[in-house]
Amino acid sequence: MGPAASIDPAEIDRFERMAAQWWDADGPMAPLHRLNPTRLQYSRAQLCGHFNLDADARRPLTGLRLLDVGCGGGLLSEPFARMGATVMGIDAGGENVAAAAVHAKALGVEVDYQAMAAEDLAASGAQFDAVVSMEVIEHVADVAAFIAALVDLTRPGGALLLATLNRTPQSFLTAILGAEYVLRWLPVGTHEWRRFRKPAELARHLRQAGANLRDVTGMRYQPRQGEWRLSRDTGVNYLAYAVRPA
């Protein structure tokens, strides 16, 4: 069986080389570590609102089956598990999930990590209450096929959470020139601007796959505080919440 259509082998190889450094907050994945609190804040709020759960509870996602697609080293999978969800994390990079599994076991966090593509898991008929895929869409070869697989993996009545970058002049200046060439937050070549997706394009892919986009919220970096915050500005980084109708 050949590789799933959405997988770009060059992208997977590059991230596998960095797998051992996933949990180094000051290493190559530092930008994701900075994003994590904001991504989790948004996810917690949307999932609790969607499933009518208590956002203030210690483990608010208890009872939910959640899939983290493109989980990498588990930076999102582990927090979701700590929030009470039963989590499966999948990634096309075998070294990524191996590193994630070792880290989770060391901390006593239960996550089912598997090296596989979303399309392959969807073909098995598996479905989850919630599917999360953040900072992944801009790295896949076939966005339509990838989004279709994510929707297939979301049970009817379930929720889908995404995070990616908008394709705007602002994102080229900030995410490409600024982050890769000036600030050196990311290795040069991490992103290709042409792969960024506008929210309207994301909405179209979701609609064609059978899901409805319900919310788009931006994320902006606050240099003085050294942190990301939710924002109305979706010109660069943004989060999205979609629903598969029951």
C-alpha atoms as a PDB file:
ATOM      1  CA  MET A   1       0.000   0.000   0.000  1.00  0.00           C
ATOM      2  CA  GLY A   2       1.402   3.408  -0.958  1.00  0.00           C
ATOM      3  CA  PRO A   3       1.532   6.439   1.345  1.00  0.00           C
ATOM      4  CA  ALA A   4      -1.723   8.312   1.953  1.00  0.00           C
ATOM      5  CA  ALA A   5      -2.251  11.193  -0.453  1.00  0.00           C
ATOM      6  CA  SER A   6      -1.963  13.977   2.106  1.00  0.00           C
ATOM      7  CA  ILE A   7       1.467  12.946   3.420  1.00  0.00           C
ATOM      8  CA  ASP A   8       4.479  14.881   2.183  1.00  0.00           C
ATOM      9  CA  PRO A   9       7.523  12.620   2.810  1.00  0.00           C
ATOM     10  CA  ALA A  10       9.920  15.583   2.977  1.00  0.00           C
ATOM     11  CA  GLU A  11       7.863  17.177   5.756  1.00  0.00           C
ATOM     12  CA  ILE A  12       7.744  13.947   7.782  1.00  0.00           C
ATOM     13  CA  ASP A  13      11.497  13.363   7.417  1.00  0.00           C
ATOM     14  CA  ARG A  14      12.292  16.860   8.635  1.00  0.00           C
ATOM     15  CA  PHE A  15      10.190  16.574  11.785  1.00  0.00           C
ATOM     16  CA  GLU A  16      11.461  13.079  12.573  1.00  0.00           C
ATOM     17  CA  ARG A  17      14.999  14.476  12.722  1.00  0.00           C
ATOM     18  CA  MET A  18      13.804  16.794  15.473  1.00  0.00           C
ATOM     19  CA  ALA A  19      11.734  14.198  17.376  1.00  0.00           C
ATOM     20  CA  ALA A  20      14.139  13.860  20.315  1.00  0.00           C
ATOM     21  CA  GLN A  21      13.866  17.588  20.934  1.00  0.00           C
ATOM     22  CA  TRP A  22      10.052  17.820  21.064  1.00  0.00           C
ATOM     23  CA  TRP A  23       9.938  18.396  24.798  1.00  0.00           C
ATOM     24  CA  ASP A  24      12.806  20.889  24.968  1.00  0.00           C
ATOM     25  CA  ALA A  25      10.932  24.147  25.618  1.00  0.00           C
ATOM     26  CA  ASP A  26      13.960  26.099  24.433  1.00  0.00           C
ATOM     27  CA  GLY A  27      14.709  23.878  21.419  1.00  0.00           C
ATOM     28  CA  PRO A  28      13.345  23.677  17.859  1.00  0.00           C
ATOM     29  CA  MET A  29       9.785  23.191  19.157  1.00  0.00           C
ATOM     30  CA  ALA A  30       9.903  26.310  21.347  1.00  0.00           C
ATOM     31  CA  PRO A  31       7.314  28.092  19.128  1.00  0.00           C
ATOM     32  CA  LEU A  32       4.805  25.268  19.772  1.00  0.00           C
ATOM     33  CA  HIS A  33       5.510  25.365  23.505  1.00  0.00           C
ATOM     34  CA  ARG A  34       4.714  29.091  23.441  1.00  0.00           C
ATOM     35  CA  LEU A  35       1.491  28.439  21.512  1.00  0.00           C
ATOM     36  CA  ASN A  36       0.315  25.592  23.736  1.00  0.00           C
ATOM     37  CA  PRO A  37      -1.403  27.509  26.571  1.00  0.00           C
ATOM     38  CA  THR A  38      -3.495  29.507  24.083  1.00  0.00           C
ATOM     39  CA  ARG A  39      -4.339  26.465  21.968  1.00  0.00           C
ATOM     40  CA  LEU A  40      -5.429  24.565  25.076  1.00  0.00           C
ATOM     41  CA  GLN A  41      -7.439  27.529  26.400  1.00  0.00           C
ATOM     42  CA  TYR A  42      -9.409  27.666  23.159  1.00  0.00           C
ATOM     43  CA  SER A  43      -9.820  23.891  22.934  1.00  0.00           C
ATOM     44  CA  ARG A  44     -11.051  23.544  26.497  1.00  0.00           C
ATOM     45  CA  ALA A  45     -13.622  26.306  26.034  1.00  0.00           C
ATOM     46  CA  GLN A  46     -14.940  25.026  22.703  1.00  0.00           C
ATOM     47  CA  LEU A  47     -15.109  21.370  23.738  1.00  0.00           C
ATOM     48  CA  CYS A  48     -16.816  22.147  27.040  1.00  0.00           C
ATOM     49  CA  GLY A  49     -19.298  24.407  25.271  1.00  0.00           C
ATOM     50  CA  HIS A  50     -19.993  21.873  22.546  1.00  0.00           C
ATOM     51  CA  PHE A  51     -20.465  18.891  24.871  1.00  0.00           C
ATOM     52  CA  ASN A  52     -22.021  20.877  27.737  1.00  0.00           C
ATOM     53  CA  LEU A  53     -19.180  20.084  30.153  1.00  0.00           C
ATOM     54  CA  ASP A  54     -17.981  21.983  33.212  1.00  0.00           C
ATOM     55  CA  ALA A  55     -14.966  24.007  32.054  1.00  0.00           C
ATOM     56  CA  ASP A  56     -14.003  24.710  35.674  1.00  0.00           C
ATOM     57  CA  ALA A  57     -13.776  21.042  36.642  1.00  0.00           C
ATOM     58  CA  ARG A  58     -10.332  19.586  37.364  1.00  0.00           C
ATOM     59  CA  ARG A  59     -10.774  17.038  34.562  1.00  0.00           C
ATOM     60  CA  PRO A  60     -13.407  18.683  32.354  1.00  0.00           C
ATOM     61  CA  LEU A  61     -13.018  16.375  29.343  1.00  0.00           C
ATOM     62  CA  THR A  62     -13.767  13.168  31.257  1.00  0.00           C
ATOM     63  CA  GLY A  63     -15.841  10.831  29.110  1.00  0.00           C
ATOM     64  CA  LEU A  64     -14.665  12.185  25.750  1.00  0.00           C
ATOM     65  CA  ARG A  65     -12.763  10.109  23.208  1.00  0.00           C
ATOM     66  CA  LEU A  66     -10.335  12.495  21.533  1.00  0.00           C
ATOM     67  CA  LEU A  67      -8.020  12.020  18.562  1.00  0.00           C
ATOM     68  CA  ASP A  68      -4.930  14.211  18.112  1.00  0.00           C
ATOM     69  CA  VAL A  69      -3.901  14.052  14.432  1.00  0.00           C
ATOM     70  CA  GLY A  70      -0.313  14.993  13.688  1.00  0.00           C
ATOM     71  CA  CYS A  71       0.419  14.687  17.405  1.00  0.00           C
ATOM     72  CA  GLY A  72       4.187  14.966  17.031  1.00  0.00           C
ATOM     73  CA  GLY A  73       5.811  14.526  20.410  1.00  0.00           C
ATOM     74  CA  GLY A  74       2.504  14.764  22.288  1.00  0.00           C
ATOM     75  CA  LEU A  75       2.516  18.437  23.279  1.00  0.00           C
ATOM     76  CA  LEU A  76      -1.287  18.524  23.031  1.00  0.00           C
ATOM     77  CA  SER A  77      -2.112  14.855  23.595  1.00  0.00           C
ATOM     78  CA  GLU A  78      -0.738  14.795  27.136  1.00  0.00           C
ATOM     79  CA  PRO A  79      -2.613  17.892  28.363  1.00  0.00           C
ATOM     80  CA  PHE A  80      -5.853  16.595  26.864  1.00  0.00           C
ATOM     81  CA  ALA A  81      -5.324  13.301  28.710  1.00  0.00           C
ATOM     82  CA  ARG A  82      -4.693  15.202  31.937  1.00  0.00           C
ATOM     83  CA  MET A  83      -8.001  16.992  31.368  1.00  0.00           C
ATOM     84  CA  GLY A  84      -9.697  13.599  31.511  1.00  0.00           C
ATOM     85  CA  ALA A  85     -10.130  12.689  27.837  1.00  0.00           C
ATOM     86  CA  THR A  86      -9.325   9.228  26.516  1.00  0.00           C
ATOM     87  CA  VAL A  87      -6.723  10.235  23.948  1.00  0.00           C
ATOM     88  CA  MET A  88      -5.307   8.620  20.846  1.00  0.00           C
ATOM     89  CA  GLY A  89      -2.453  10.436  19.128  1.00  0.00           C
ATOM     90  CA  ILE A  90      -1.431   9.598  15.581  1.00  0.00           C
ATOM     91  CA  ASP A  91       1.450  10.868  13.487  1.00  0.00           C
ATOM     92  CA  ALA A  92       3.001   9.728  10.213  1.00  0.00           C
ATOM     93  CA  GLY A  93       6.438  10.045  11.795  1.00  0.00           C
ATOM     94  CA  GLY A  94       7.276   6.877  13.719  1.00  0.00           C
ATOM     95  CA  GLU A  95      10.069   8.529  15.703  1.00  0.00           C
ATOM     96  CA  ASN A  96       7.678  11.278  16.767  1.00  0.00           C
ATOM     97  CA  VAL A  97       5.161   8.901  18.343  1.00  0.00           C
ATOM     98  CA  ALA A  98       7.985   6.828  19.836  1.00  0.00           C
ATOM     99  CA  ALA A  99       9.336   9.932  21.563  1.00  0.00           C
ATOM    100  CA  ALA A 100       5.810  10.883  22.645  1.00  0.00           C
ATOM    101  CA  ALA A 101       5.131   7.434  24.105  1.00  0.00           C
ATOM    102  CA  VAL A 102       8.377   7.434  26.089  1.00  0.00           C
ATOM    103  CA  HIS A 103       7.606  10.868  27.535  1.00  0.00           C
ATOM    104  CA  ALA A 104       4.014   9.987  28.452  1.00  0.00           C
ATOM    105  CA  LYS A 105       5.058   6.732  30.131  1.00  0.00           C
ATOM    106  CA  ALA A 106       7.717   8.521  32.178  1.00  0.00           C
ATOM    107  CA  LEU A 107       5.075  10.915  33.521  1.00  0.00           C
ATOM    108  CA  GLY A 108       2.363   8.292  33.957  1.00  0.00           C
ATOM    109  CA  VAL A 109       0.043   9.831  31.361  1.00  0.00           C
ATOM    110  CA  GLU A 110      -2.096   7.396  29.359  1.00  0.00           C
ATOM    111  CA  VAL A 111      -2.169   8.136  25.632  1.00  0.00           C
ATOM    112  CA  ASP A 112      -2.542   5.597  22.838  1.00  0.00           C
ATOM    113  CA  TYR A 113       0.098   6.644  20.291  1.00  0.00           C
ATOM    114  CA  GLN A 114       0.135   5.113  16.822  1.00  0.00           C
ATOM    115  CA  ALA A 115       2.272   5.817  13.757  1.00  0.00           C
ATOM    116  CA  MET A 116      -0.267   6.126  10.964  1.00  0.00           C
ATOM    117  CA  ALA A 117      -1.976   8.544   8.595  1.00  0.00           C
ATOM    118  CA  ALA A 118      -5.415  10.005   9.240  1.00  0.00           C
ATOM    119  CA  GLU A 119      -6.724   8.462   6.013  1.00  0.00           C
ATOM    120  CA  ASP A 120      -5.683   4.976   7.110  1.00  0.00           C
ATOM    121  CA  LEU A 121      -7.350   5.313  10.508  1.00  0.00           C
ATOM    122  CA  ALA A 122     -10.490   6.713   8.872  1.00  0.00           C
ATOM    123  CA  ALA A 123     -10.584   3.734   6.520  1.00  0.00           C
ATOM    124  CA  SER A 124     -10.804   1.450   9.560  1.00  0.00           C
ATOM    125  CA  GLY A 125     -14.109   3.085  10.515  1.00  0.00           C
ATOM    126  CA  ALA A 126     -12.804   4.574  13.772  1.00  0.00           C
ATOM    127  CA  GLN A 127     -14.636   7.639  15.067  1.00  0.00           C
ATOM    128  CA  PHE A 128     -14.119   9.986  18.010  1.00  0.00           C
ATOM    129  CA  ASP A 129     -16.118  12.566  19.935  1.00  0.00           C
ATOM    130  CA  ALA A 130     -13.499  15.189  19.132  1.00  0.00           C
ATOM    131  CA  VAL A 131     -10.715  15.397  16.557  1.00  0.00           C
ATOM    132  CA  VAL A 132      -7.890  17.897  16.973  1.00  0.00           C
ATOM    133  CA  SER A 133      -5.234  18.777  14.400  1.00  0.00           C
ATOM    134  CA  MET A 134      -3.114  21.836  15.072  1.00  0.00           C
ATOM    135  CA  GLU A 135      -0.265  23.309  13.024  1.00  0.00           C
ATOM    136  CA  VAL A 136      -0.586  20.375  10.603  1.00  0.00           C
ATOM    137  CA  ILE A 137      -2.740  21.496   7.667  1.00  0.00           C
ATOM    138  CA  GLU A 138       0.006  23.765   6.292  1.00  0.00           C
ATOM    139  CA  HIS A 139       2.328  20.751   6.017  1.00  0.00           C
ATOM    140  CA  VAL A 140       0.120  18.243   4.166  1.00  0.00           C
ATOM    141  CA  ALA A 141       0.219  17.622   0.424  1.00  0.00           C
ATOM    142  CA  ASP A 142      -3.535  17.211  -0.181  1.00  0.00           C
ATOM    143  CA  VAL A 143      -5.573  19.448   2.110  1.00  0.00           C
ATOM    144  CA  ALA A 144      -8.966  18.329   0.791  1.00  0.00           C
ATOM    145  CA  ALA A 145      -8.169  14.646   1.388  1.00  0.00           C
ATOM    146  CA  PHE A 146      -6.773  15.404   4.827  1.00  0.00           C
ATOM    147  CA  ILE A 147      -9.813  17.443   5.915  1.00  0.00           C
ATOM    148  CA  ALA A 148     -12.130  14.732   4.571  1.00  0.00           C
ATOM    149  CA  ALA A 149     -10.315  12.158   6.701  1.00  0.00           C
ATOM    150  CA  LEU A 150     -10.603  14.363   9.791  1.00  0.00           C
ATOM    151  CA  VAL A 151     -14.339  14.749   9.279  1.00  0.00           C
ATOM    152  CA  ASP A 152     -14.748  10.998   8.723  1.00  0.00           C
ATOM    153  CA  LEU A 153     -12.949  10.427  12.028  1.00  0.00           C
ATOM    154  CA  THR A 154     -15.363  12.756  13.850  1.00  0.00           C
ATOM    155  CA  ARG A 155     -18.560  11.052  14.945  1.00  0.00           C
ATOM    156  CA  PRO A 156     -21.876  12.632  13.947  1.00  0.00           C
ATOM    157  CA  GLY A 157     -22.527  15.324  16.524  1.00  0.00           C
ATOM    158  CA  GLY A 158     -18.822  15.568  17.325  1.00  0.00           C
ATOM    159  CA  ALA A 159     -16.400  18.493  17.217  1.00  0.00           C
ATOM    160  CA  LEU A 160     -13.309  19.251  15.176  1.00  0.00           C
ATOM    161  CA  LEU A 161     -10.603  21.707  16.288  1.00  0.00           C
ATOM    162  CA  LEU A 162      -7.938  23.024  13.935  1.00  0.00           C
ATOM    163  CA  ALA A 163      -5.105  25.542  13.974  1.00  0.00           C
ATOM    164  CA  THR A 164      -3.181  26.815  10.975  1.00  0.00           C
ATOM    165  CA  LEU A 165      -1.917  29.948   9.234  1.00  0.00           C
ATOM    166  CA  ASN A 166      -3.762  32.358   6.972  1.00  0.00           C
ATOM    167  CA  ARG A 167      -2.373  33.137   3.523  1.00  0.00           C
ATOM    168  CA  THR A 168      -2.020  36.922   3.690  1.00  0.00           C
ATOM    169  CA  PRO A 169       0.750  39.484   3.110  1.00  0.00           C
ATOM    170  CA  GLN A 170       0.810  39.838   6.905  1.00  0.00           C
ATOM    171  CA  SER A 171       1.519  36.129   7.391  1.00  0.00           C
ATOM    172  CA  PHE A 172       4.313  36.201   4.800  1.00  0.00           C
ATOM    173  CA  LEU A 173       6.003  39.073   6.624  1.00  0.00           C
ATOM    174  CA  THR A 174       5.435  37.604  10.095  1.00  0.00           C
ATOM    175  CA  ALA A 175       5.490  33.811   9.783  1.00  0.00           C
ATOM    176  CA  ILE A 176       8.024  33.503   6.968  1.00  0.00           C
ATOM    177  CA  LEU A 177      10.356  36.531   6.933  1.00  0.00           C
ATOM    178  CA  GLY A 178      10.003  37.371  10.626  1.00  0.00           C
ATOM    179  CA  ALA A 179       9.887  33.956  12.306  1.00  0.00           C
ATOM    180  CA  GLU A 180      12.307  32.127   9.990  1.00  0.00           C
ATOM    181  CA  TYR A 181      14.732  34.741   8.669  1.00  0.00           C
ATOM    182  CA  VAL A 182      14.823  37.560  11.252  1.00  0.00           C
ATOM    183  CA  LEU A 183      13.971  36.122  14.685  1.00  0.00           C
ATOM    184  CA  ARG A 184      15.155  32.597  13.776  1.00  0.00           C
ATOM    185  CA  TRP A 185      12.355  31.061  15.819  1.00  0.00           C
ATOM    186  CA  LEU A 186      12.021  28.381  13.130  1.00  0.00           C
ATOM    187  CA  PRO A 187      14.476  26.807  10.702  1.00  0.00           C
ATOM    188  CA  VAL A 188      14.392  28.462   7.274  1.00  0.00           C
ATOM    189  CA  GLY A 189      12.007  26.496   5.065  1.00  0.00           C
ATOM    190  CA  THR A 190       9.723  25.306   7.875  1.00  0.00           C
ATOM    191  CA  HIS A 191       6.742  26.867   6.121  1.00  0.00           C
ATOM    192  CA  GLU A 192       5.723  27.456   2.523  1.00  0.00           C
ATOM    193  CA  TRP A 193       3.430  30.454   2.230  1.00  0.00           C
ATOM    194  CA  ARG A 194       1.501  28.928  -0.681  1.00  0.00           C
ATOM    195  CA  ARG A 195       0.382  26.093   1.639  1.00  0.00           C
ATOM    196  CA  PHE A 196      -1.301  28.465   4.089  1.00  0.00           C
ATOM    197  CA  ARG A 197      -5.103  28.385   3.951  1.00  0.00           C
ATOM    198  CA  LYS A 198      -7.564  31.249   4.259  1.00  0.00           C
ATOM    199  CA  PRO A 199     -10.472  30.627   6.662  1.00  0.00           C
ATOM    200  CA  ALA A 200     -12.910  30.710   3.735  1.00  0.00           C
ATOM    201  CA  GLU A 201     -10.906  27.977   1.992  1.00  0.00           C
ATOM    202  CA  LEU A 202     -10.874  25.910   5.177  1.00  0.00           C
ATOM    203  CA  ALA A 203     -14.633  26.390   5.500  1.00  0.00           C
ATOM    204  CA  ARG A 204     -15.114  25.167   1.933  1.00  0.00           C
ATOM    205  CA  HIS A 205     -13.035  22.026   2.514  1.00  0.00           C
ATOM    206  CA  LEU A 206     -14.990  21.293   5.699  1.00  0.00           C
ATOM    207  CA  ARG A 207     -18.344  21.862   4.019  1.00  0.00           C
ATOM    208  CA  GLN A 208     -17.439  19.588   1.114  1.00  0.00           C
ATOM    209  CA  ALA A 209     -16.460  16.897   3.631  1.00  0.00           C
ATOM    210  CA  GLY A 210     -19.733  17.231   5.562  1.00  0.00           C
ATOM    211  CA  ALA A 211     -18.827  19.531   8.461  1.00  0.00           C
ATOM    212  CA  ASN A 212     -19.748  23.111   9.337  1.00  0.00           C
ATOM    213  CA  LEU A 213     -17.254  25.760  10.469  1.00  0.00           C
ATOM    214  CA  ARG A 214     -18.658  27.442  13.582  1.00  0.00           C
ATOM    215  CA  ASP A 215     -15.855  29.698  14.789  1.00  0.00           C
ATOM    216  CA  VAL A 216     -12.544  31.221  13.709  1.00  0.00           C
ATOM    217  CA  THR A 217     -10.379  32.973  16.300  1.00  0.00           C
ATOM    218  CA  GLY A 218      -6.964  34.484  15.769  1.00  0.00           C
ATOM    219  CA  MET A 219      -3.833  34.186  17.889  1.00  0.00           C
ATOM    220  CA  ARG A 220      -1.409  37.075  18.300  1.00  0.00           C
ATOM    221  CA  TYR A 221       2.023  37.085  19.880  1.00  0.00           C
ATOM    222  CA  GLN A 222       2.586  39.632  22.648  1.00  0.00           C
ATOM    223  CA  PRO A 223       6.333  40.359  22.605  1.00  0.00           C
ATOM    224  CA  ARG A 224       6.443  42.210  25.930  1.00  0.00           C
ATOM    225  CA  GLN A 225       4.762  39.334  27.769  1.00  0.00           C
ATOM    226  CA  GLY A 226       6.456  36.673  25.629  1.00  0.00           C
ATOM    227  CA  GLU A 227       3.149  34.861  25.142  1.00  0.00           C
ATOM    228  CA  TRP A 228       0.341  34.249  22.676  1.00  0.00           C
ATOM    229  CA  ARG A 229      -3.215  35.428  23.234  1.00  0.00           C
ATOM    230  CA  LEU A 230      -6.547  34.876  21.525  1.00  0.00           C
ATOM    231  CA  SER A 231      -7.418  37.712  19.162  1.00  0.00           C
ATOM    232  CA  ARG A 232      -9.967  38.919  16.628  1.00  0.00           C
ATOM    233  CA  ASP A 233      -7.065  39.282  14.199  1.00  0.00           C
ATOM    234  CA  THR A 234      -6.967  36.150  12.023  1.00  0.00           C
ATOM    235  CA  GLY A 235      -4.403  37.543   9.588  1.00  0.00           C
ATOM    236  CA  VAL A 236      -1.614  35.156  10.618  1.00  0.00           C
ATOM    237  CA  ASN A 237      -2.299  32.323  13.103  1.00  0.00           C
ATOM    238  CA  TYR A 238      -5.856  31.191  13.705  1.00  0.00           C
ATOM    239  CA  LEU A 239      -7.866  28.479  15.430  1.00  0.00           C
ATOM    240  CA  ALA A 240     -11.055  26.956  14.087  1.00  0.00           C
ATOM    241  CA  TYR A 241     -13.971  25.004  15.568  1.00  0.00           C
ATOM    242  CA  ALA A 242     -16.189  22.894  13.311  1.00  0.00           C
ATOM    243  CA  VAL A 243     -19.052  20.477  13.886  1.00  0.00           C
ATOM    244  CA  ARG A 244     -20.104  17.314  12.096  1.00  0.00           C
ATOM    245  CA  PRO A 245     -23.907  17.405  12.139  1.00  0.00           C
ATOM    246  CA  ALA A 246     -25.636  14.595  14.006  1.00  0.00           C
END
